[in-house]
Amino acid sequence: MRKMTLLLTLTIAGCATDPYGNFVPSVNFDQQKLLTRELAGDAVKQLAVLYPPAKTRLEMKQITSDAFGITLVNTLREHGYALKEFNTEEVKSQTFKSQTFNAQASTSPALPLRYILDQADDSNLVFITLFVEDQSITRPYRIQNDSLTPAGNWVRKE
């Protein structure tokens, strides 16, 4: 019975894990600054091609407390995006949020935005994926000699 309870608990905990966020293992401070600044800048440039900054409102749909998330939020604002940050208090009062947000959505809808930053196993490849509504854009990067270079083009999934 204990094994069954433990298995059920682990299964439920696994389902509650947020699939979005920064999954790159901790790196040294200089590499982290490089990753966050260059990746966020490149990501926002690509977003601007698809979603014009002055005409697009975005709403973060995940916690952005990691270094990349903070830099992404700041870079989006610097480039002219109207951005509503993720608010855990609103999520706690979900019924109130849905009523309030639906009333606001009719006047100025915001596009939901999420991201995944991940590294391929023990390689020097890093991938970034941005999700806007039901579309995603992805690009791989290679980390070599404390520099970051694109390892491919942006790929857009509609």
Protein backbone atom coordinates (compact mmCIF):
# COMPACT_ATOMS: atom_id res chain seq x y z
CA MET A 1 0.00 0.00 0.00
CA ARG A 2 2.85 2.41 0.81
CA LYS A 3 4.44 1.77 -2.57
CA MET A 4 1.15 2.53 -4.29
CA THR A 5 0.75 5.78 -2.32
CA LEU A 6 4.32 6.82 -3.12
CA LEU A 7 3.84 6.06 -6.82
CA LEU A 8 0.60 8.02 -6.92
CA THR A 9 2.21 10.99 -5.14
CA LEU A 10 5.15 11.06 -7.55
CA THR A 11 2.81 10.83 -10.54
CA ILE A 12 0.71 13.75 -9.33
CA ALA A 13 3.82 15.82 -8.54
CA GLY A 14 5.18 15.13 -12.03
CA CYS A 15 1.98 16.40 -13.61
CA ALA A 16 2.10 19.62 -11.61
CA THR A 17 5.56 20.56 -12.87
CA ASP A 18 5.56 23.56 -15.18
CA PRO A 19 6.90 22.55 -18.62
CA TYR A 20 8.04 26.11 -19.35
CA GLY A 21 11.08 27.95 -18.05
CA ASN A 22 14.86 27.87 -17.98
CA PHE A 23 16.28 24.34 -17.86
CA VAL A 24 19.91 25.17 -18.64
CA PRO A 25 22.11 23.90 -15.80
CA SER A 26 23.80 26.55 -13.73
CA VAL A 27 26.79 28.04 -15.50
CA ASN A 28 29.37 30.53 -14.32
CA PHE A 29 28.36 34.18 -13.94
CA ASP A 30 30.00 35.40 -17.18
CA GLN A 31 28.38 32.63 -19.24
CA GLN A 32 25.00 33.36 -17.68
CA LYS A 33 25.27 37.07 -18.54
CA LEU A 34 26.23 36.14 -22.11
CA LEU A 35 23.38 33.65 -22.45
CA THR A 36 20.70 35.89 -21.03
CA ARG A 37 21.65 39.12 -22.78
CA GLU A 38 22.33 37.68 -26.24
CA LEU A 39 19.51 35.13 -26.26
CA ALA A 40 16.92 37.61 -25.02
CA GLY A 41 18.06 40.21 -27.56
CA ASP A 42 17.93 37.78 -30.45
CA ALA A 43 14.57 36.39 -29.33
CA VAL A 44 13.00 39.85 -29.13
CA LYS A 45 14.36 40.75 -32.58
CA GLN A 46 12.66 37.69 -34.03
CA LEU A 47 9.44 38.42 -32.15
CA ALA A 48 9.47 41.95 -33.61
CA VAL A 49 9.53 40.47 -37.12
CA LEU A 50 6.39 38.47 -36.41
CA TYR A 51 4.62 40.72 -33.89
CA PRO A 52 5.27 44.50 -34.23
CA PRO A 53 6.22 45.95 -30.82
CA ALA A 54 4.10 49.10 -30.85
CA LYS A 55 1.01 47.16 -31.89
CA THR A 56 1.37 44.00 -29.82
CA ARG A 57 0.44 43.44 -26.20
CA LEU A 58 1.96 40.39 -24.51
CA GLU A 59 1.11 38.60 -21.28
CA MET A 60 3.67 36.36 -19.59
CA LYS A 61 2.00 33.08 -18.66
CA GLN A 62 4.81 31.77 -16.45
CA ILE A 63 7.05 32.88 -13.63
CA THR A 64 10.09 34.78 -14.93
CA SER A 65 12.29 34.77 -11.85
CA ASP A 66 15.32 33.20 -13.57
CA ALA A 67 18.05 35.35 -15.14
CA PHE A 68 16.83 34.74 -18.69
CA GLY A 69 13.19 35.50 -17.81
CA ILE A 70 14.10 38.78 -16.12
CA THR A 71 16.27 39.83 -19.05
CA LEU A 72 13.57 38.83 -21.55
CA VAL A 73 10.95 40.92 -19.76
CA ASN A 74 13.26 43.96 -19.63
CA THR A 75 14.28 43.57 -23.29
CA LEU A 76 10.67 43.28 -24.43
CA ARG A 77 9.83 46.53 -22.66
CA GLU A 78 12.95 48.27 -24.03
CA HIS A 79 11.81 47.37 -27.55
CA GLY A 80 8.34 48.87 -27.04
CA TYR A 81 6.16 45.91 -26.10
CA ALA A 82 3.31 46.37 -23.66
CA LEU A 83 3.80 43.47 -21.27
CA LYS A 84 1.70 42.12 -18.44
CA GLU A 85 3.86 40.07 -16.10
CA PHE A 86 2.83 36.80 -14.52
CA ASN A 87 1.10 37.30 -11.18
CA THR A 88 0.85 34.33 -8.83
CA GLU A 89 -1.83 36.05 -6.76
CA GLU A 90 -4.11 36.20 -9.81
CA VAL A 91 -3.60 32.50 -10.44
CA LYS A 92 -4.60 31.71 -6.85
CA SER A 93 -7.92 33.49 -7.35
CA GLN A 94 -8.58 31.89 -10.74
CA THR A 95 -12.32 32.62 -10.88
CA PHE A 96 -11.78 36.30 -10.14
CA LYS A 97 -8.99 36.45 -12.72
CA SER A 98 -11.05 34.91 -15.51
CA GLN A 99 -13.93 37.32 -14.91
CA THR A 100 -11.64 40.37 -14.72
CA PHE A 101 -9.39 39.38 -17.62
CA ASN A 102 -12.32 38.56 -19.91
CA ALA A 103 -13.71 42.04 -19.31
CA GLN A 104 -10.34 43.59 -20.16
CA ALA A 105 -9.73 41.30 -23.13
CA SER A 106 -12.57 42.80 -25.11
CA THR A 107 -10.85 46.21 -25.18
CA SER A 108 -7.18 45.24 -25.59
CA PRO A 109 -6.32 41.55 -25.92
CA ALA A 110 -2.85 40.43 -24.91
CA LEU A 111 -1.12 37.51 -26.59
CA PRO A 112 0.02 34.81 -24.14
CA LEU A 113 3.81 34.36 -24.07
CA ARG A 114 5.86 31.47 -22.65
CA TYR A 115 9.43 30.28 -23.15
CA ILE A 116 11.64 27.24 -22.78
CA LEU A 117 15.41 27.55 -22.57
CA ASP A 118 17.12 24.17 -22.55
CA GLN A 119 20.42 22.46 -23.24
CA ALA A 120 20.91 19.24 -25.21
CA ASP A 121 22.28 16.73 -22.68
CA ASP A 122 25.99 17.39 -22.01
CA SER A 123 26.56 19.23 -25.28
CA ASN A 124 27.30 22.87 -25.93
CA LEU A 125 23.97 23.35 -27.73
CA VAL A 126 21.31 25.56 -26.17
CA PHE A 127 17.78 25.85 -27.53
CA ILE A 128 15.28 28.62 -27.03
CA THR A 129 11.60 28.26 -27.86
CA LEU A 130 9.09 31.08 -27.54
CA PHE A 131 5.39 30.29 -27.52
CA VAL A 132 2.98 33.05 -28.57
CA GLU A 133 -0.62 31.92 -28.50
CA ASP A 134 -0.59 28.50 -30.20
CA GLN A 135 2.50 29.18 -32.33
CA SER A 136 6.15 28.66 -31.46
CA ILE A 137 9.53 29.79 -32.73
CA THR A 138 12.72 27.89 -31.94
CA ARG A 139 16.43 28.41 -32.53
CA PRO A 140 19.54 26.47 -31.47
CA TYR A 141 22.77 28.17 -30.34
CA ARG A 142 26.27 26.87 -29.78
CA ILE A 143 28.38 27.96 -26.80
CA GLN A 144 32.09 27.94 -27.65
CA ASN A 145 35.02 29.83 -26.14
CA ASP A 146 32.69 31.98 -24.03
CA SER A 147 30.75 33.13 -27.08
CA LEU A 148 27.29 32.33 -28.36
CA THR A 149 26.61 31.70 -32.05
CA PRO A 150 23.40 30.62 -33.78
CA ALA A 151 23.56 26.95 -34.80
CA GLY A 152 20.60 27.24 -37.16
CA ASN A 153 17.78 29.46 -38.32
CA TRP A 154 14.61 30.35 -36.49
CA VAL A 155 11.96 27.70 -37.06
CA ARG A 156 8.32 28.70 -36.78
CA LYS A 157 5.58 26.21 -36.00
CA GLU A 158 2.05 27.36 -36.67
